[in-house]
PDB file of N, CA and C in Angstrom:
ATOM      1  N   MET A   1      95.471 -75.336-136.744  1.00  0.00           N
ATOM      2  CA  MET A   1      94.124 -75.322-136.606  1.00  0.00           C
ATOM      3  C   MET A   1      93.604 -76.144-135.169  1.00  0.00           C
ATOM      4  N   LEU A   2      94.382 -77.111-134.760  1.00  0.00           N
ATOM      5  CA  LEU A   2      93.606 -77.927-133.794  1.00  0.00           C
ATOM      6  C   LEU A   2      93.804 -77.105-132.387  1.00  0.00           C
ATOM      7  N   ALA A   3      94.738 -76.102-132.679  1.00  0.00           N
ATOM      8  CA  ALA A   3      94.754 -75.229-131.348  1.00  0.00           C
ATOM      9  C   ALA A   3      94.009 -74.103-131.258  1.00  0.00           C
ATOM     10  N   LEU A   4      93.516 -73.668-132.407  1.00  0.00           N
ATOM     11  CA  LEU A   4      92.383 -72.844-132.500  1.00  0.00           C
ATOM     12  C   LEU A   4      91.153 -73.553-132.151  1.00  0.00           C
ATOM     13  N   GLY A   5      90.925 -74.454-132.440  1.00  0.00           N
ATOM     14  CA  GLY A   5      89.875 -75.223-131.921  1.00  0.00           C
ATOM     15  C   GLY A   5      89.563 -75.542-130.400  1.00  0.00           C
ATOM     16  N   ALA A   6      90.755 -75.924-129.878  1.00  0.00           N
ATOM     17  CA  ALA A   6      90.730 -75.751-128.691  1.00  0.00           C
ATOM     18  C   ALA A   6      90.675 -74.934-127.581  1.00  0.00           C
ATOM     19  N   VAL A   7      91.164 -73.554-128.189  1.00  0.00           N
ATOM     20  CA  VAL A   7      90.949 -72.509-127.690  1.00  0.00           C
ATOM     21  C   VAL A   7      89.304 -72.135-127.791  1.00  0.00           C
ATOM     22  N   THR A   8      88.929 -72.256-128.784  1.00  0.00           N
ATOM     23  CA  THR A   8      87.166 -71.950-128.903  1.00  0.00           C
ATOM     24  C   THR A   8      86.305 -72.999-128.171  1.00  0.00           C
ATOM     25  N   TRP A   9      86.759 -73.978-127.903  1.00  0.00           N
ATOM     26  CA  TRP A   9      85.975 -74.790-126.699  1.00  0.00           C
ATOM     27  C   TRP A   9      86.274 -74.408-125.646  1.00  0.00           C
ATOM     28  N   ARG A  10      87.483 -74.222-125.156  1.00  0.00           N
ATOM     29  CA  ARG A  10      87.491 -73.563-123.927  1.00  0.00           C
ATOM     30  C   ARG A  10      86.966 -72.302-123.294  1.00  0.00           C
ATOM     31  N   SER A  11      86.849 -71.458-124.481  1.00  0.00           N
ATOM     32  CA  SER A  11      86.120 -70.239-123.925  1.00  0.00           C
ATOM     33  C   SER A  11      84.699 -70.239-123.898  1.00  0.00           C
ATOM     34  N   THR A  12      84.210 -71.487-125.009  1.00  0.00           N
ATOM     35  CA  THR A  12      82.818 -71.762-124.918  1.00  0.00           C
ATOM     36  C   THR A  12      82.420 -72.604-123.669  1.00  0.00           C
ATOM     37  N   VAL A  13      83.337 -73.405-123.190  1.00  0.00           N
ATOM     38  CA  VAL A  13      83.385 -74.011-121.673  1.00  0.00           C
ATOM     39  C   VAL A  13      83.202 -73.065-120.913  1.00  0.00           C
ATOM     40  N   ARG A  14      84.224 -71.895-120.585  1.00  0.00           N
ATOM     41  CA  ARG A  14      84.317 -70.696-119.453  1.00  0.00           C
ATOM     42  C   ARG A  14      82.960 -69.908-119.593  1.00  0.00           C
ATOM     43  N   ALA A  15      82.511 -69.887-120.462  1.00  0.00           N
ATOM     44  CA  ALA A  15      81.367 -68.806-120.608  1.00  0.00           C
ATOM     45  C   ALA A  15      79.942 -69.689-120.105  1.00  0.00           C
ATOM     46  N   ALA A  16      79.854 -70.972-120.904  1.00  0.00           N
ATOM     47  CA  ALA A  16      79.121 -71.580-120.094  1.00  0.00           C
ATOM     48  C   ALA A  16      78.834 -71.757-118.692  1.00  0.00           C
ATOM     49  N   SER A  17      80.019 -71.853-118.084  1.00  0.00           N
ATOM     50  CA  SER A  17      80.219 -72.104-116.640  1.00  0.00           C
ATOM     51  C   SER A  17      80.023 -71.230-115.959  1.00  0.00           C
ATOM     52  N   TYR A  18      80.311 -69.894-116.776  1.00  0.00           N
ATOM     53  CA  TYR A  18      80.244 -68.345-116.246  1.00  0.00           C
ATOM     54  C   TYR A  18      78.647 -68.094-115.889  1.00  0.00           C
ATOM     55  N   ALA A  19      77.910 -68.262-117.043  1.00  0.00           N
ATOM     56  CA  ALA A  19      76.541 -68.213-117.147  1.00  0.00           C
ATOM     57  C   ALA A  19      75.692 -69.088-116.229  1.00  0.00           C
ATOM     58  N   LEU A  20      76.077 -70.297-115.911  1.00  0.00           N
ATOM     59  CA  LEU A  20      75.464 -71.040-114.825  1.00  0.00           C
ATOM     60  C   LEU A  20      75.810 -70.763-113.529  1.00  0.00           C
ATOM     61  N   SER A  21      77.231 -70.168-113.335  1.00  0.00           N
ATOM     62  CA  SER A  21      77.160 -69.538-111.907  1.00  0.00           C
ATOM     63  C   SER A  21      76.373 -68.198-111.514  1.00  0.00           C
ATOM     64  N   CYS A  22      76.238 -67.872-112.740  1.00  0.00           N
ATOM     65  CA  CYS A  22      75.333 -66.677-112.782  1.00  0.00           C
ATOM     66  C   CYS A  22      73.997 -66.615-112.154  1.00  0.00           C
ATOM     67  N   ARG A  23      73.554 -68.078-113.127  1.00  0.00           N
ATOM     68  CA  ARG A  23      72.416 -68.161-112.772  1.00  0.00           C
ATOM     69  C   ARG A  23      72.035 -68.736-111.353  1.00  0.00           C
ATOM     70  N   THR A  24      72.954 -69.544-111.134  1.00  0.00           N
ATOM     71  CA  THR A  24      72.919 -70.039-109.630  1.00  0.00           C
ATOM     72  C   THR A  24      72.967 -69.039-108.698  1.00  0.00           C
ATOM     73  N   VAL A  25      73.968 -67.908-108.739  1.00  0.00           N
ATOM     74  CA  VAL A  25      73.998 -66.947-107.788  1.00  0.00           C
ATOM     75  C   VAL A  25      72.372 -66.254-107.766  1.00  0.00           C
ATOM     76  N   LEU A  26      71.953 -66.055-108.557  1.00  0.00           N
ATOM     77  CA  LEU A  26      70.539 -65.179-108.823  1.00  0.00           C
ATOM     78  C   LEU A  26      69.540 -66.377-108.371  1.00  0.00           C
ATOM     79  N   LEU A  27      69.642 -67.327-108.570  1.00  0.00           N
ATOM     80  CA  LEU A  27      68.553 -68.332-107.989  1.00  0.00           C
ATOM     81  C   LEU A  27      68.732 -68.351-106.631  1.00  0.00           C
ATOM     82  N   LEU A  28      70.016 -68.174-105.615  1.00  0.00           N
ATOM     83  CA  LEU A  28      70.324 -68.222-104.380  1.00  0.00           C
ATOM     84  C   LEU A  28      69.847 -66.796-104.010  1.00  0.00           C
ATOM     85  N   CYS A  29      69.775 -65.952-104.784  1.00  0.00           N
ATOM     86  CA  CYS A  29      69.361 -64.497-104.122  1.00  0.00           C
ATOM     87  C   CYS A  29      68.046 -64.463-104.006  1.00  0.00           C
ATOM     88  N   ILE A  30      67.343 -65.031-105.220  1.00  0.00           N
ATOM     89  CA  ILE A  30      65.727 -65.009-105.253  1.00  0.00           C
ATOM     90  C   ILE A  30      65.222 -66.131-104.014  1.00  0.00           C
ATOM     91  N   LEU A  31      66.000 -66.997-103.782  1.00  0.00           N
ATOM     92  CA  LEU A  31      65.721 -68.009-102.588  1.00  0.00           C
ATOM     93  C   LEU A  31      65.573 -67.287-101.053  1.00  0.00           C
ATOM     94  N   CYS A  32      66.851 -66.569-101.054  1.00  0.00           N
ATOM     95  CA  CYS A  32      67.264 -66.005 -99.786  1.00  0.00           C
ATOM     96  C   CYS A  32      66.243 -64.772 -99.522  1.00  0.00           C
ATOM     97  N   ILE A  33      65.453 -64.309-100.567  1.00  0.00           N
ATOM     98  CA  ILE A  33      64.467 -62.950-100.445  1.00  0.00           C
ATOM     99  C   ILE A  33      63.323 -63.592-100.135  1.00  0.00           C
ATOM    100  N   PHE A  34      63.251 -64.824-100.784  1.00  0.00           N
ATOM    101  CA  PHE A  34      61.722 -65.303-100.295  1.00  0.00           C
ATOM    102  C   PHE A  34      62.101 -65.962 -98.823  1.00  0.00           C
ATOM    103  N   CYS A  35      62.589 -66.616 -98.120  1.00  0.00           N
ATOM    104  CA  CYS A  35      63.088 -66.932 -96.879  1.00  0.00           C
ATOM    105  C   CYS A  35      62.883 -65.853 -95.929  1.00  0.00           C
ATOM    106  N   ILE A  36      63.721 -64.854 -96.488  1.00  0.00           N
ATOM    107  CA  ILE A  36      63.552 -63.416 -95.334  1.00  0.00           C
ATOM    108  C   ILE A  36      62.053 -62.916 -95.462  1.00  0.00           C
ATOM    109  N   SER A  37      61.425 -62.923 -96.647  1.00  0.00           N
ATOM    110  CA  SER A  37      59.996 -62.320 -96.484  1.00  0.00           C
ATOM    111  C   SER A  37      59.064 -63.634 -96.056  1.00  0.00           C
ATOM    112  N   CYS A  38      59.308 -64.615 -95.901  1.00  0.00           N
ATOM    113  CA  CYS A  38      58.502 -65.465 -95.304  1.00  0.00           C
ATOM    114  C   CYS A  38      58.812 -65.735 -93.736  1.00  0.00           C
ATOM    115  N   ILE A  39      59.860 -65.343 -93.270  1.00  0.00           N
ATOM    116  CA  ILE A  39      60.182 -65.202 -91.893  1.00  0.00           C
ATOM    117  C   ILE A  39      59.490 -63.898 -91.318  1.00  0.00           C
ATOM    118  N   SER A  40      59.460 -63.097 -92.289  1.00  0.00           N
ATOM    119  CA  SER A  40      59.254 -61.677 -91.635  1.00  0.00           C
ATOM    120  C   SER A  40      57.604 -61.794 -91.368  1.00  0.00           C
ATOM    121  N   CYS A  41      57.085 -62.420 -92.342  1.00  0.00           N
ATOM    122  CA  CYS A  41      55.514 -62.614 -92.401  1.00  0.00           C
ATOM    123  C   CYS A  41      55.188 -63.665 -91.154  1.00  0.00           C
ATOM    124  N   ILE A  42      55.996 -64.335 -90.801  1.00  0.00           N
ATOM    125  CA  ILE A  42      55.463 -65.370 -89.505  1.00  0.00           C
ATOM    126  C   ILE A  42      55.848 -64.789 -88.356  1.00  0.00           C
ATOM    127  N   SER A  43      56.588 -63.741 -88.127  1.00  0.00           N
ATOM    128  CA  SER A  43      56.941 -62.685 -87.076  1.00  0.00           C
ATOM    129  C   SER A  43      55.933 -61.578 -86.950  1.00  0.00           C
ATOM    130  N   CYS A  44      55.287 -61.082 -87.980  1.00  0.00           N
ATOM    131  CA  CYS A  44      54.200 -60.494 -88.280  1.00  0.00           C
ATOM    132  C   CYS A  44      52.845 -60.817 -88.064  1.00  0.00           C
ATOM    133  N   LYS A  45      52.984 -62.003 -87.521  1.00  0.00           N
ATOM    134  CA  LYS A  45      51.290 -62.630 -87.399  1.00  0.00           C
ATOM    135  C   LYS A  45      50.518 -61.429 -86.466  1.00  0.00           C
ATOM    136  N   ALA A  46      49.333 -61.257 -86.445  1.00  0.00           N
ATOM    137  CA  ALA A  46      48.436 -60.710 -85.722  1.00  0.00           C
ATOM    138  C   ALA A  46      48.474 -61.093 -84.133  1.00  0.00           C
ATOM    139  N   LYS A  47      48.538 -59.824 -83.358  1.00  0.00           N
ATOM    140  CA  LYS A  47      48.702 -60.057 -82.217  1.00  0.00           C
ATOM    141  C   LYS A  47      47.559 -59.561 -81.437  1.00  0.00           C
ATOM    142  N   ALA A  48      47.069 -60.107 -80.364  1.00  0.00           N
ATOM    143  CA  ALA A  48      45.973 -59.711 -79.876  1.00  0.00           C
ATOM    144  C   ALA A  48      45.666 -58.349 -79.419  1.00  0.00           C
ATOM    145  N   SER A  49      44.561 -57.894 -79.746  1.00  0.00           N
ATOM    146  CA  SER A  49      43.998 -56.855 -79.129  1.00  0.00           C
ATOM    147  C   SER A  49      44.198 -56.219 -77.651  1.00  0.00           C
ATOM    148  N   SER A  50      44.064 -55.027 -77.271  1.00  0.00           N
ATOM    149  CA  SER A  50      43.870 -54.558 -75.794  1.00  0.00           C
ATOM    150  C   SER A  50      42.450 -55.144 -75.537  1.00  0.00           C
ATOM    151  N   ALA A  51      41.618 -55.136 -75.828  1.00  0.00           N
ATOM    152  CA  ALA A  51      40.231 -55.865 -75.724  1.00  0.00           C
ATOM    153  C   ALA A  51      40.059 -57.290 -75.505  1.00  0.00           C
ATOM    154  N   GLN A  52      41.393 -57.702 -76.513  1.00  0.00           N
ATOM    155  CA  GLN A  52      41.477 -59.187 -75.993  1.00  0.00           C
ATOM    156  C   GLN A  52      42.020 -59.848 -75.055  1.00  0.00           C
ATOM    157  N   CYS A  53      43.149 -58.772 -74.567  1.00  0.00           N
ATOM    158  CA  CYS A  53      43.933 -58.909 -73.637  1.00  0.00           C
ATOM    159  C   CYS A  53      43.128 -58.763 -72.167  1.00  0.00           C
ATOM    160  N   ASN A  54      42.227 -57.968 -72.263  1.00  0.00           N
ATOM    161  CA  ASN A  54      41.396 -58.095 -71.422  1.00  0.00           C
ATOM    162  C   ASN A  54      40.431 -58.941 -70.926  1.00  0.00           C
ATOM    163  N   GLN A  55      39.807 -59.637 -72.033  1.00  0.00           N
ATOM    164  CA  GLN A  55      39.129 -60.765 -72.201  1.00  0.00           C
ATOM    165  C   GLN A  55      40.131 -61.938 -71.461  1.00  0.00           C
ATOM    166  N   LEU A  56      41.259 -62.001 -72.021  1.00  0.00           N
ATOM    167  CA  LEU A  56      42.053 -62.975 -71.329  1.00  0.00           C
ATOM    168  C   LEU A  56      42.037 -62.928 -69.854  1.00  0.00           C
ATOM    169  N   LEU A  57      42.385 -61.604 -69.394  1.00  0.00           N
ATOM    170  CA  LEU A  57      42.623 -61.380 -68.211  1.00  0.00           C
ATOM    171  C   LEU A  57      41.177 -61.891 -67.481  1.00  0.00           C
ATOM    172  N   ASP A  58      40.025 -61.293 -67.696  1.00  0.00           N
ATOM    173  CA  ASP A  58      38.820 -61.769 -67.234  1.00  0.00           C
ATOM    174  C   ASP A  58      38.667 -63.524 -67.225  1.00  0.00           C
ATOM    175  N   ARG A  59      39.012 -64.423 -68.444  1.00  0.00           N
ATOM    176  CA  ARG A  59      38.543 -65.517 -68.391  1.00  0.00           C
ATOM    177  C   ARG A  59      39.598 -65.863 -67.599  1.00  0.00           C
ATOM    178  N   TYR A  60      41.018 -65.772 -67.681  1.00  0.00           N
ATOM    179  CA  TYR A  60      41.960 -66.351 -66.347  1.00  0.00           C
ATOM    180  C   TYR A  60      41.617 -66.216 -64.939  1.00  0.00           C
ATOM    181  N   ALA A  61      40.904 -64.878 -64.732  1.00  0.00           N
ATOM    182  CA  ALA A  61      40.558 -64.828 -63.336  1.00  0.00           C
ATOM    183  C   ALA A  61      39.181 -65.529 -62.882  1.00  0.00           C
ATOM    184  N   ALA A  62      38.513 -65.675 -63.853  1.00  0.00           N
ATOM    185  CA  ALA A  62      37.164 -66.437 -63.541  1.00  0.00           C
ATOM    186  C   ALA A  62      37.702 -68.126 -63.179  1.00  0.00           C
ATOM    187  N   LEU A  63      38.800 -68.529 -64.467  1.00  0.00           N
ATOM    188  CA  LEU A  63      39.071 -69.926 -64.086  1.00  0.00           C
ATOM    189  C   LEU A  63      39.740 -69.994 -62.659  1.00  0.00           C
ATOM    190  N   VAL A  64      40.343 -69.127 -62.065  1.00  0.00           N
ATOM    191  CA  VAL A  64      41.070 -69.136 -61.330  1.00  0.00           C
ATOM    192  C   VAL A  64      40.417 -69.315 -59.848  1.00  0.00           C
ATOM    193  N   VAL A  65      39.364 -68.370 -60.022  1.00  0.00           N
ATOM    194  CA  VAL A  65      38.402 -68.166 -58.749  1.00  0.00           C
ATOM    195  C   VAL A  65      37.650 -69.282 -58.584  1.00  0.00           C
ATOM    196  N   THR A  66      36.831 -69.675 -59.644  1.00  0.00           N
ATOM    197  CA  THR A  66      36.129 -71.037 -59.944  1.00  0.00           C
ATOM    198  C   THR A  66      36.911 -72.444 -59.567  1.00  0.00           C
ATOM    199  N   GLU A  67      38.334 -72.430 -59.622  1.00  0.00           N
ATOM    200  CA  GLU A  67      38.809 -73.634 -59.000  1.00  0.00           C
ATOM    201  C   GLU A  67      39.321 -73.472 -58.049  1.00  0.00           C
ATOM    202  N   LYS A  68      39.351 -72.228 -57.565  1.00  0.00           N
ATOM    203  CA  LYS A  68      39.849 -72.138 -56.155  1.00  0.00           C
ATOM    204  C   LYS A  68      38.657 -72.081 -54.990  1.00  0.00           C
ATOM    205  N   TYR A  69      37.308 -71.521 -55.240  1.00  0.00           N
ATOM    206  CA  TYR A  69      36.570 -71.646 -54.528  1.00  0.00           C
ATOM    207  C   TYR A  69      35.305 -72.272 -55.243  1.00  0.00           C
ATOM    208  N   PRO A  70      35.267 -73.515 -55.578  1.00  0.00           N
ATOM    209  CA  PRO A  70      33.902 -74.036 -56.149  1.00  0.00           C
ATOM    210  C   PRO A  70      32.717 -73.761 -55.712  1.00  0.00           C
ATOM    211  N   ASP A  71      32.526 -73.667 -54.468  1.00  0.00           N
ATOM    212  CA  ASP A  71      30.995 -73.593 -53.621  1.00  0.00           C
ATOM    213  C   ASP A  71      30.925 -72.092 -53.261  1.00  0.00           C
ATOM    214  N   ALA A  72      31.667 -70.946 -53.926  1.00  0.00           N
ATOM    215  CA  ALA A  72      31.839 -69.892 -53.156  1.00  0.00           C
ATOM    216  C   ALA A  72      30.150 -69.152 -53.700  1.00  0.00           C
ATOM    217  N   ALA A  73      29.922 -68.105 -52.838  1.00  0.00           N
ATOM    218  CA  ALA A  73      29.077 -67.347 -53.064  1.00  0.00           C
ATOM    219  C   ALA A  73      29.319 -66.288 -54.402  1.00  0.00           C
ATOM    220  N   THR A  74      28.338 -65.867 -55.225  1.00  0.00           N
ATOM    221  CA  THR A  74      28.474 -64.878 -56.257  1.00  0.00           C
ATOM    222  C   THR A  74      29.329 -63.775 -55.807  1.00  0.00           C
ATOM    223  N   ALA A  75      29.035 -63.002 -54.468  1.00  0.00           N
ATOM    224  CA  ALA A  75      29.639 -61.982 -53.962  1.00  0.00           C
ATOM    225  C   ALA A  75      31.127 -62.245 -53.833  1.00  0.00           C
ATOM    226  N   GLN A  76      31.546 -63.345 -53.334  1.00  0.00           N
ATOM    227  CA  GLN A  76      33.191 -63.895 -52.695  1.00  0.00           C
ATOM    228  C   GLN A  76      33.463 -64.003 -54.590  1.00  0.00           C
ATOM    229  N   ILE A  77      32.895 -64.364 -55.259  1.00  0.00           N
ATOM    230  CA  ILE A  77      33.687 -64.766 -56.636  1.00  0.00           C
ATOM    231  C   ILE A  77      34.018 -63.693 -56.939  1.00  0.00           C
ATOM    232  N   ASP A  78      32.751 -62.804 -56.976  1.00  0.00           N
ATOM    233  CA  ASP A  78      33.213 -61.185 -57.625  1.00  0.00           C
ATOM    234  C   ASP A  78      34.441 -60.459 -56.946  1.00  0.00           C
ATOM    235  N   ALA A  79      34.264 -60.716 -55.660  1.00  0.00           N
ATOM    236  CA  ALA A  79      35.704 -59.617 -55.025  1.00  0.00           C
ATOM    237  C   ALA A  79      36.891 -60.545 -55.119  1.00  0.00           C
ATOM    238  N   GLU A  80      37.138 -61.643 -55.120  1.00  0.00           N
ATOM    239  CA  GLU A  80      38.202 -62.971 -56.162  1.00  0.00           C
ATOM    240  C   GLU A  80      38.520 -62.399 -56.966  1.00  0.00           C
ATOM    241  N   ARG A  81      37.541 -62.483 -57.953  1.00  0.00           N
ATOM    242  CA  ARG A  81      37.763 -62.144 -59.438  1.00  0.00           C
ATOM    243  C   ARG A  81      38.269 -60.522 -59.380  1.00  0.00           C
ATOM    244  N   ALA A  82      37.759 -59.681 -58.978  1.00  0.00           N
ATOM    245  CA  ALA A  82      38.461 -58.613 -59.026  1.00  0.00           C
ATOM    246  C   ALA A  82      39.893 -58.313 -58.369  1.00  0.00           C
ATOM    247  N   ARG A  83      39.785 -59.124 -57.550  1.00  0.00           N
ATOM    248  CA  ARG A  83      41.521 -59.205 -56.682  1.00  0.00           C
ATOM    249  C   ARG A  83      42.589 -59.661 -57.667  1.00  0.00           C
ATOM    250  N   GLU A  84      42.045 -60.875 -58.222  1.00  0.00           N
ATOM    251  CA  GLU A  84      43.125 -61.323 -59.371  1.00  0.00           C
ATOM    252  C   GLU A  84      43.400 -60.479 -60.532  1.00  0.00           C
ATOM    253  N   LYS A  85      42.218 -59.933 -61.095  1.00  0.00           N
ATOM    254  CA  LYS A  85      42.380 -59.013 -61.880  1.00  0.00           C
ATOM    255  C   LYS A  85      43.480 -57.735 -61.641  1.00  0.00           C
ATOM    256  N   GLY A  86      43.228 -57.190 -60.466  1.00  0.00           N
ATOM    257  CA  GLY A  86      44.328 -56.508 -59.755  1.00  0.00           C
ATOM    258  C   GLY A  86      45.390 -56.357 -59.745  1.00  0.00           C
ATOM    259  N   GLU A  87      45.696 -57.901 -59.569  1.00  0.00           N
ATOM    260  CA  GLU A  87      47.097 -58.538 -59.354  1.00  0.00           C
ATOM    261  C   GLU A  87      47.629 -58.971 -60.884  1.00  0.00           C
ATOM    262  N   ALA A  88      46.794 -59.142 -61.707  1.00  0.00           N
ATOM    263  CA  ALA A  88      47.182 -59.325 -62.932  1.00  0.00           C
ATOM    264  C   ALA A  88      47.541 -58.205 -64.079  1.00  0.00           C
ATOM    265  N   HIS A  89      46.979 -57.005 -63.451  1.00  0.00           N
ATOM    266  CA  HIS A  89      47.071 -55.588 -64.130  1.00  0.00           C
ATOM    267  C   HIS A  89      48.556 -55.513 -63.859  1.00  0.00           C
ATOM    268  N   GLY A  90      49.117 -55.429 -62.423  1.00  0.00           N
ATOM    269  CA  GLY A  90      50.389 -55.157 -62.458  1.00  0.00           C
ATOM    270  C   GLY A  90      51.612 -55.923 -62.912  1.00  0.00           C
ATOM    271  N   ASP A  91      51.085 -57.410 -63.304  1.00  0.00           N
ATOM    272  CA  ASP A  91      51.958 -58.291 -63.708  1.00  0.00           C
ATOM    273  C   ASP A  91      52.458 -57.744 -65.368  1.00  0.00           C
ATOM    274  N   ASP A  92      53.731 -57.947 -65.250  1.00  0.00           N
ATOM    275  CA  ASP A  92      54.602 -57.853 -66.671  1.00  0.00           C
ATOM    276  C   ASP A  92      54.250 -58.488 -68.021  1.00  0.00           C
ATOM    277  N   ALA A  93      53.657 -59.823 -67.613  1.00  0.00           N
ATOM    278  CA  ALA A  93      53.080 -60.396 -68.626  1.00  0.00           C
ATOM    279  C   ALA A  93      51.872 -60.067 -69.163  1.00  0.00           C
ATOM    280  N   PHE A  94      51.162 -59.369 -68.702  1.00  0.00           N
ATOM    281  CA  PHE A  94      49.878 -58.739 -68.974  1.00  0.00           C
ATOM    282  C   PHE A  94      50.260 -57.398 -69.952  1.00  0.00           C
ATOM    283  N   LYS A  95      50.914 -56.514 -69.421  1.00  0.00           N
ATOM    284  CA  LYS A  95      51.295 -55.759 -69.505  1.00  0.00           C
ATOM    285  C   LYS A  95      52.103 -55.829 -71.267  1.00  0.00           C
ATOM    286  N   ASN A  96      52.434 -56.795 -71.571  1.00  0.00           N
ATOM    287  CA  ASN A  96      53.275 -57.232 -72.785  1.00  0.00           C
ATOM    288  C   ASN A  96      52.297 -58.058 -73.830  1.00  0.00           C
ATOM    289  N   CYS A  97      50.987 -58.022 -73.397  1.00  0.00           N
ATOM    290  CA  CYS A  97      50.227 -59.061 -73.858  1.00  0.00           C
ATOM    291  C   CYS A  97      49.894 -58.560 -75.189  1.00  0.00           C
ATOM    292  N   SER A  98      49.211 -57.605 -75.547  1.00  0.00           N
ATOM    293  CA  SER A  98      49.127 -57.011 -76.947  1.00  0.00           C
ATOM    294  C   SER A  98      50.274 -56.890 -77.868  1.00  0.00           C
ATOM    295  N   SER A  99      51.685 -56.919 -77.576  1.00  0.00           N
ATOM    296  CA  SER A  99      52.703 -57.340 -78.215  1.00  0.00           C
ATOM    297  C   SER A  99      53.230 -58.894 -78.438  1.00  0.00           C
ATOM    298  N   GLU A 100      52.724 -59.712 -77.692  1.00  0.00           N
ATOM    299  CA  GLU A 100      53.069 -61.180 -77.405  1.00  0.00           C
ATOM    300  C   GLU A 100      52.245 -62.035 -77.797  1.00  0.00           C
ATOM    301  N   VAL A 101      51.200 -61.844 -77.501  1.00  0.00           N
ATOM    302  CA  VAL A 101      50.298 -63.245 -77.586  1.00  0.00           C
ATOM    303  C   VAL A 101      49.725 -63.163 -78.893  1.00  0.00           C
ATOM    304  N   SER A 102      49.670 -64.023 -79.830  1.00  0.00           N
ATOM    305  CA  SER A 102      48.833 -64.258 -81.131  1.00  0.00           C
ATOM    306  C   SER A 102      47.896 -64.576 -81.041  1.00  0.00           C
ATOM    307  N   GLN A 103      47.163 -64.358 -82.151  1.00  0.00           N
ATOM    308  CA  GLN A 103      45.817 -64.663 -82.160  1.00  0.00           C
ATOM    309  C   GLN A 103      45.529 -66.378 -81.915  1.00  0.00           C
ATOM    310  N   SER A 104      46.281 -67.058 -82.167  1.00  0.00           N
ATOM    311  CA  SER A 104      46.089 -68.401 -81.883  1.00  0.00           C
ATOM    312  C   SER A 104      46.240 -68.793 -80.743  1.00  0.00           C
ATOM    313  N   GLU A 105      47.100 -68.317 -80.078  1.00  0.00           N
ATOM    314  CA  GLU A 105      47.339 -68.641 -78.713  1.00  0.00           C
ATOM    315  C   GLU A 105      46.009 -67.979 -77.697  1.00  0.00           C
ATOM    316  N   PHE A 106      45.376 -66.821 -78.213  1.00  0.00           N
ATOM    317  CA  PHE A 106      44.446 -65.989 -77.588  1.00  0.00           C
ATOM    318  C   PHE A 106      43.286 -67.061 -77.821  1.00  0.00           C
ATOM    319  N   ASP A 107      42.886 -67.623 -79.274  1.00  0.00           N
ATOM    320  CA  ASP A 107      41.856 -68.627 -79.347  1.00  0.00           C
ATOM    321  C   ASP A 107      42.090 -69.567 -78.447  1.00  0.00           C
ATOM    322  N   CYS A 108      43.068 -70.335 -78.276  1.00  0.00           N
ATOM    323  CA  CYS A 108      43.164 -71.404 -77.300  1.00  0.00           C
ATOM    324  C   CYS A 108      42.992 -70.861 -75.699  1.00  0.00           C
ATOM    325  N   ALA A 109      43.371 -70.194 -75.519  1.00  0.00           N
ATOM    326  CA  ALA A 109      43.391 -69.617 -73.686  1.00  0.00           C
ATOM    327  C   ALA A 109      41.890 -69.154 -73.870  1.00  0.00           C
ATOM    328  N   ILE A 110      41.208 -68.676 -74.478  1.00  0.00           N
ATOM    329  CA  ILE A 110      39.520 -68.549 -74.204  1.00  0.00           C
ATOM    330  C   ILE A 110      39.257 -69.723 -74.392  1.00  0.00           C
ATOM    331  N   ARG A 111      39.167 -70.669 -75.039  1.00  0.00           N
ATOM    332  CA  ARG A 111      38.697 -71.874 -75.218  1.00  0.00           C
ATOM    333  C   ARG A 111      38.967 -72.845 -73.866  1.00  0.00           C
ATOM    334  N   SER A 112      39.978 -72.314 -73.278  1.00  0.00           N
ATOM    335  CA  SER A 112      41.003 -73.571 -72.099  1.00  0.00           C
ATOM    336  C   SER A 112      39.453 -74.041 -71.306  1.00  0.00           C
ATOM    337  N   ALA A 113      39.788 -75.179 -70.473  1.00  0.00           N
ATOM    338  CA  ALA A 113      38.738 -75.249 -69.538  1.00  0.00           C
ATOM    339  C   ALA A 113      39.298 -75.292 -67.917  1.00  0.00           C
ATOM    340  N   ASN A 114      40.698 -74.867 -68.098  1.00  0.00           N
ATOM    341  CA  ASN A 114      40.975 -74.702 -66.590  1.00  0.00           C
ATOM    342  C   ASN A 114      42.282 -73.755 -66.716  1.00  0.00           C
ATOM    343  N   ALA A 115      42.702 -73.624 -65.520  1.00  0.00           N
ATOM    344  CA  ALA A 115      43.640 -72.472 -65.438  1.00  0.00           C
ATOM    345  C   ALA A 115      45.383 -72.687 -66.005  1.00  0.00           C
ATOM    346  N   ASP A 116      45.326 -74.059 -65.786  1.00  0.00           N
ATOM    347  CA  ASP A 116      46.858 -74.518 -66.201  1.00  0.00           C
ATOM    348  C   ASP A 116      46.703 -74.883 -67.917  1.00  0.00           C
ATOM    349  N   ALA A 117      45.415 -75.438 -68.465  1.00  0.00           N
ATOM    350  CA  ALA A 117      45.409 -75.174 -69.739  1.00  0.00           C
ATOM    351  C   ALA A 117      45.426 -73.771 -70.357  1.00  0.00           C
ATOM    352  N   PHE A 118      45.081 -72.677 -69.821  1.00  0.00           N
ATOM    353  CA  PHE A 118      44.981 -71.532 -70.218  1.00  0.00           C
ATOM    354  C   PHE A 118      46.680 -70.814 -70.481  1.00  0.00           C
ATOM    355  N   LEU A 119      47.462 -71.429 -69.054  1.00  0.00           N
ATOM    356  CA  LEU A 119      48.689 -70.931 -69.254  1.00  0.00           C
ATOM    357  C   LEU A 119      49.472 -71.691 -70.241  1.00  0.00           C
ATOM    358  N   LYS A 120      49.188 -73.078 -70.440  1.00  0.00           N
ATOM    359  CA  LYS A 120      50.190 -73.955 -71.480  1.00  0.00           C
ATOM    360  C   LYS A 120      49.544 -73.237 -72.886  1.00  0.00           C
ATOM    361  N   CYS A 121      48.536 -72.532 -72.968  1.00  0.00           N
ATOM    362  CA  CYS A 121      48.362 -71.800 -74.248  1.00  0.00           C
ATOM    363  C   CYS A 121      48.968 -70.795 -74.643  1.00  0.00           C
ATOM    364  N   LEU A 122      49.543 -69.969 -73.431  1.00  0.00           N
ATOM    365  CA  LEU A 122      50.593 -68.670 -73.938  1.00  0.00           C
ATOM    366  C   LEU A 122      51.664 -68.822 -73.515  1.00  0.00           C
ATOM    367  N   GLU A 123      52.153 -70.380 -73.629  1.00  0.00           N
ATOM    368  CA  GLU A 123      53.600 -70.458 -73.326  1.00  0.00           C
ATOM    369  C   GLU A 123      54.367 -70.153 -74.608  1.00  0.00           C
TER     370      GLU A 123
END
C-alpha cells in the first residue's frame, strides 16, 4: 500500500508542477503581448503634419534671420527668411519631417527662444 501511496503522491506533484509551468508560460505570453503592444504604441505616436512642418520651417527661418541680422530692415528680413526657407526645403531632414517629428518635439521647437534651442528640440 505504501508503494501505491508514493505513486499517487508523485503523480499529484507532477500534475501540480505541470499546471504551474503551464500557468507560468501563459503569464509570460500575456506579458510579451502586452510589452509588444506598448512598444508599438510608443512607436506610433502622432507625428507632425505637413502644415506643422511648414510652421517649423517658418519658425526656424525667423529665428535664424533675427539672430543673424538683429538690426535688419523688414525687407532684408523677408529676403533672408525666403532664402533660409528655400535652403531648408532641399534638406533631407525637412523632407522627412512629417514622418520623424513627434508632436512633443514640434511643441518644443515652436516654443523655443533661439535657433540652438529649436534644433535641440528636434534631436
